[in-house]
Protein backbone atom coordinates (compact mmCIF):
# COMPACT_ATOMS: atom_id res chain seq x y z
CA MET A 1 72.07 138.77 62.44
CA LYS A 2 71.55 135.49 62.46
CA LYS A 3 75.20 135.18 64.16
CA GLN A 4 74.66 137.37 66.58
CA ILE A 5 72.02 135.33 67.99
CA ILE A 6 73.52 132.29 67.06
CA LEU A 7 76.38 133.53 69.53
CA LEU A 8 74.00 135.39 72.22
CA VAL A 9 72.35 131.92 72.68
CA LEU A 10 75.61 130.01 72.83
CA SER A 11 76.99 132.45 75.23
CA ILE A 12 73.89 132.68 77.34
CA SER A 13 73.10 128.45 77.09
CA THR A 14 77.04 128.14 78.40
CA ALA A 15 77.07 130.82 81.17
CA LEU A 16 73.67 128.93 82.52
CA VAL A 17 75.95 125.64 82.37
CA ILE A 18 79.02 126.93 84.44
CA VAL A 19 76.56 128.76 86.58
CA GLY A 20 74.44 125.88 86.86
CA ASN A 21 77.51 123.53 88.24
CA TYR A 22 78.79 125.70 90.66
CA TRP A 23 75.45 125.48 92.44
CA GLU A 24 74.76 122.07 92.09
CA ILE A 25 78.26 120.77 93.60
CA PRO A 26 79.15 121.15 96.89
CA VAL A 27 82.59 122.75 97.64
CA MET A 28 84.88 120.69 99.02
CA ALA A 29 87.77 123.10 99.86
CA LEU A 30 88.54 121.68 103.10
CA PRO A 31 89.54 118.51 105.27
CA PRO A 32 86.74 117.07 107.53
CA GLN A 33 87.28 118.53 111.12
CA GLU A 34 88.29 115.11 112.40
CA ASP A 35 91.38 114.90 109.77
CA ILE A 36 93.98 114.86 111.63
CA PRO A 37 96.60 117.40 110.14
CA GLU A 38 99.57 116.29 108.39
CA GLU A 39 101.97 117.85 110.26
CA ILE A 40 100.71 117.01 113.31
CA LEU A 41 101.11 113.35 112.24
CA ARG A 42 104.55 113.82 111.95
CA MET A 43 105.58 115.36 114.69
CA GLU A 44 104.12 112.75 117.01
CA LEU A 45 106.14 109.37 118.62
CA VAL A 46 105.41 106.36 117.71
CA THR A 47 104.69 104.29 121.05
CA GLU A 48 103.49 100.99 119.14
CA ALA A 49 104.93 99.04 116.69
CA ARG A 50 104.41 95.92 115.05
CA SER A 51 106.85 92.53 115.01
CA PRO A 52 108.23 91.77 111.48
CA LEU A 53 108.14 88.22 112.11
CA ASP A 54 104.65 87.63 112.57
CA GLY A 55 102.58 91.18 112.54
CA LYS A 56 101.68 90.72 116.52
CA PRO A 57 101.56 94.47 117.97
CA LEU A 58 104.72 95.52 120.07
CA THR A 59 105.20 98.02 122.56
CA ALA A 60 108.23 100.62 121.54
CA ALA A 61 110.33 98.14 124.17
CA GLU A 62 109.54 95.06 122.54
CA TYR A 63 109.66 96.05 119.54
CA ILE A 64 113.55 97.84 120.05
CA GLU A 65 114.22 94.91 121.83
CA LEU A 66 113.36 92.78 119.02
CA GLN A 67 115.59 94.51 116.30
CA ALA A 68 118.35 93.78 118.66
CA GLN A 69 117.69 90.08 118.69
CA LEU A 70 117.13 90.28 114.67
CA ARG A 71 120.63 92.37 114.31
CA ASP A 72 122.77 90.30 116.63
CA SER A 73 122.01 86.62 115.30
CA PRO A 74 123.16 84.89 112.37
CA THR A 75 122.23 85.19 108.91
CA PRO A 76 120.90 81.52 108.03
CA LYS A 77 122.72 79.98 105.62
CA LEU A 78 121.66 78.20 102.09
CA ALA A 79 122.43 74.79 101.92
CA PRO A 80 125.22 74.12 99.05
CA THR A 81 122.76 72.26 96.79
CA ILE A 82 120.32 74.96 96.94
CA ARG A 83 122.54 78.13 96.43
CA GLU A 84 123.97 76.38 93.64
CA LYS A 85 120.36 75.48 92.08
CA VAL A 86 119.30 79.04 92.30
CA TYR A 87 123.00 80.25 91.03
CA LEU A 88 121.97 78.08 87.81
CA LEU A 89 118.82 79.84 87.84
CA HIS A 90 120.14 82.80 87.66
CA ILE A 91 122.42 82.29 84.76
CA ARG A 92 118.96 80.40 82.73
CA SER A 93 116.86 83.58 83.52
CA LEU A 94 120.05 85.35 81.80
CA LEU A 95 120.10 82.92 78.68
CA ARG A 96 116.46 83.31 78.34
CA GLN A 97 116.99 87.14 78.12
CA LEU A 98 119.69 87.49 75.69
CA PHE A 99 118.49 84.27 73.44
CA PRO A 100 114.43 84.08 73.61
CA PHE A 101 113.90 82.00 70.99
CA ILE A 102 115.84 78.69 72.55
CA HIS A 103 113.86 77.25 75.10
CA PHE A 104 115.39 75.74 78.23
């Protein structure tokens, strides 16, 4: 009899806690009305962009023109001494991974 009473009290208190939690918290099943659905955002054409150089806002035509200029311009070359130092730094980092106990 004692076990049955304890079981009854536990089941009632558990049910009250579960039901009480549902009554207290508002349900947020749907996004707010001001949110634009992702499907619509994917279909929109982008008519403005930012410059990859300085981050200034550009129109679509200016962005295409800048991309063409960047594509046509030659890549900058490093000075031979700097290139050699970068190469030596890569070798140094590789040696540090292979021999961590040696301090370079």
